[in-house]
Amino acid sequence: MKSKAIFYHAGCPVCIEAEQNVANALDPEKYEVESVHLGNDKSRLNEAESSGVKSVPALVLDGTPFHINFGAGIEDLK
């Protein structure tokens, strides 16, 4: 069974680079990756915060957030 990975981002250059280099590098046999653009889908901000996301880009693997570089704080997206 595949694990779920959610890549949260805001569409900024830092986020796009992280998506191309980190999220897309995950083994598709092990992870189903969902990419969520929080700038376009603000309804998912609470979900991201509940998962422990403090800034984007961030990758949540098996419920654990991993912050990649710093593109924007979660508060800046609200």
C-alpha atoms as a PDB file:
ATOM      1  CA  MET A   1       0.000   0.000   0.000  1.00  0.00           C
ATOM      2  CA  LYS A   2       1.289   3.464  -0.922  1.00  0.00           C
ATOM      3  CA  SER A   3       1.763   6.170   1.682  1.00  0.00           C
ATOM      4  CA  LYS A   4       0.343   9.634   1.115  1.00  0.00           C
ATOM      5  CA  ALA A   5       2.688  12.588   0.630  1.00  0.00           C
ATOM      6  CA  ILE A   6       1.343  16.117   0.388  1.00  0.00           C
ATOM      7  CA  PHE A   7       3.507  18.888  -1.025  1.00  0.00           C
ATOM      8  CA  TYR A   8       2.232  22.303   0.073  1.00  0.00           C
ATOM      9  CA  HIS A   9       3.446  25.358  -1.827  1.00  0.00           C
ATOM     10  CA  ALA A  10       2.542  28.884  -2.897  1.00  0.00           C
ATOM     11  CA  GLY A  11       3.742  28.835  -6.499  1.00  0.00           C
ATOM     12  CA  CYS A  12       6.834  30.963  -5.833  1.00  0.00           C
ATOM     13  CA  PRO A  13      10.153  30.122  -7.553  1.00  0.00           C
ATOM     14  CA  VAL A  14      11.495  28.462  -4.370  1.00  0.00           C
ATOM     15  CA  CYS A  15       8.360  26.296  -4.198  1.00  0.00           C
ATOM     16  CA  ILE A  16       8.455  25.306  -7.861  1.00  0.00           C
ATOM     17  CA  GLU A  17      12.113  24.321  -7.599  1.00  0.00           C
ATOM     18  CA  ALA A  18      11.406  22.274  -4.458  1.00  0.00           C
ATOM     19  CA  GLU A  19       8.506  20.513  -6.157  1.00  0.00           C
ATOM     20  CA  GLN A  20      10.646  19.632  -9.171  1.00  0.00           C
ATOM     21  CA  ASN A  21      13.613  18.470  -7.104  1.00  0.00           C
ATOM     22  CA  VAL A  22      12.108  17.013  -3.937  1.00  0.00           C
ATOM     23  CA  ALA A  23       8.460  16.026  -4.352  1.00  0.00           C
ATOM     24  CA  ASN A  24       9.002  14.557  -7.807  1.00  0.00           C
ATOM     25  CA  ALA A  25      11.999  12.554  -6.527  1.00  0.00           C
ATOM     26  CA  LEU A  26       9.831  10.391  -4.259  1.00  0.00           C
ATOM     27  CA  ASP A  27       9.472   6.784  -5.314  1.00  0.00           C
ATOM     28  CA  PRO A  28       6.030   6.519  -6.973  1.00  0.00           C
ATOM     29  CA  GLU A  29       5.863   2.880  -5.879  1.00  0.00           C
ATOM     30  CA  LYS A  30       5.960   4.012  -2.240  1.00  0.00           C
ATOM     31  CA  TYR A  31       4.231   7.416  -2.238  1.00  0.00           C
ATOM     32  CA  GLU A  32       1.160   8.926  -3.807  1.00  0.00           C
ATOM     33  CA  VAL A  33       2.114  12.616  -4.043  1.00  0.00           C
ATOM     34  CA  GLU A  34      -0.489  15.369  -3.986  1.00  0.00           C
ATOM     35  CA  SER A  35       0.605  18.928  -4.731  1.00  0.00           C
ATOM     36  CA  VAL A  36      -1.446  21.675  -3.064  1.00  0.00           C
ATOM     37  CA  HIS A  37      -1.019  25.307  -4.148  1.00  0.00           C
ATOM     38  CA  LEU A  38      -2.124  27.167  -1.008  1.00  0.00           C
ATOM     39  CA  GLY A  39      -2.171  30.494  -2.838  1.00  0.00           C
ATOM     40  CA  ASN A  40      -4.919  29.149  -5.100  1.00  0.00           C
ATOM     41  CA  ASP A  41      -6.625  26.796  -2.631  1.00  0.00           C
ATOM     42  CA  LYS A  42      -6.906  28.719   0.632  1.00  0.00           C
ATOM     43  CA  SER A  43      -9.542  26.236   1.857  1.00  0.00           C
ATOM     44  CA  ARG A  44      -6.650  23.850   2.599  1.00  0.00           C
ATOM     45  CA  LEU A  45      -4.706  26.263   4.843  1.00  0.00           C
ATOM     46  CA  ASN A  46      -6.224  24.844   8.051  1.00  0.00           C
ATOM     47  CA  GLU A  47      -5.341  21.325   6.913  1.00  0.00           C
ATOM     48  CA  ALA A  48      -1.741  22.377   6.273  1.00  0.00           C
ATOM     49  CA  GLU A  49      -1.493  24.087   9.666  1.00  0.00           C
ATOM     50  CA  SER A  50      -3.014  21.063  11.406  1.00  0.00           C
ATOM     51  CA  SER A  51      -0.306  18.941   9.776  1.00  0.00           C
ATOM     52  CA  GLY A  52       2.353  21.172  11.325  1.00  0.00           C
ATOM     53  CA  VAL A  53       3.208  23.220   8.242  1.00  0.00           C
ATOM     54  CA  LYS A  54       4.652  26.592   9.285  1.00  0.00           C
ATOM     55  CA  SER A  55       6.021  27.723   5.917  1.00  0.00           C
ATOM     56  CA  VAL A  56       6.055  26.646   2.309  1.00  0.00           C
ATOM     57  CA  PRO A  57       7.371  24.767   0.509  1.00  0.00           C
ATOM     58  CA  ALA A  58       6.732  21.859   2.833  1.00  0.00           C
ATOM     59  CA  LEU A  59       6.328  18.149   2.299  1.00  0.00           C
ATOM     60  CA  VAL A  60       4.191  16.111   4.678  1.00  0.00           C
ATOM     61  CA  LEU A  61       5.175  12.439   4.695  1.00  0.00           C
ATOM     62  CA  ASP A  62       3.184  10.006   6.801  1.00  0.00           C
ATOM     63  CA  GLY A  63       1.873  12.907   8.890  1.00  0.00           C
ATOM     64  CA  THR A  64       5.288  14.491   9.540  1.00  0.00           C
ATOM     65  CA  PRO A  65       6.017  17.925   8.018  1.00  0.00           C
ATOM     66  CA  PHE A  66       9.389  18.620   6.424  1.00  0.00           C
ATOM     67  CA  HIS A  67      10.058  22.265   5.658  1.00  0.00           C
ATOM     68  CA  ILE A  68      12.141  22.847   2.548  1.00  0.00           C
ATOM     69  CA  ASN A  69      13.959  26.180   2.373  1.00  0.00           C
ATOM     70  CA  PHE A  70      11.682  29.184   2.964  1.00  0.00           C
ATOM     71  CA  GLY A  71       9.336  30.624   0.365  1.00  0.00           C
ATOM     72  CA  ALA A  72       6.546  32.088   2.514  1.00  0.00           C
ATOM     73  CA  GLY A  73       5.226  31.768   6.028  1.00  0.00           C
ATOM     74  CA  ILE A  74       1.811  30.142   6.415  1.00  0.00           C
ATOM     75  CA  GLU A  75       0.504  33.380   7.961  1.00  0.00           C
ATOM     76  CA  ASP A  76       1.461  35.258   4.778  1.00  0.00           C
ATOM     77  CA  LEU A  77      -0.874  33.033   2.767  1.00  0.00           C
ATOM     78  CA  LYS A  78      -3.988  33.844   4.785  1.00  0.00           C
END
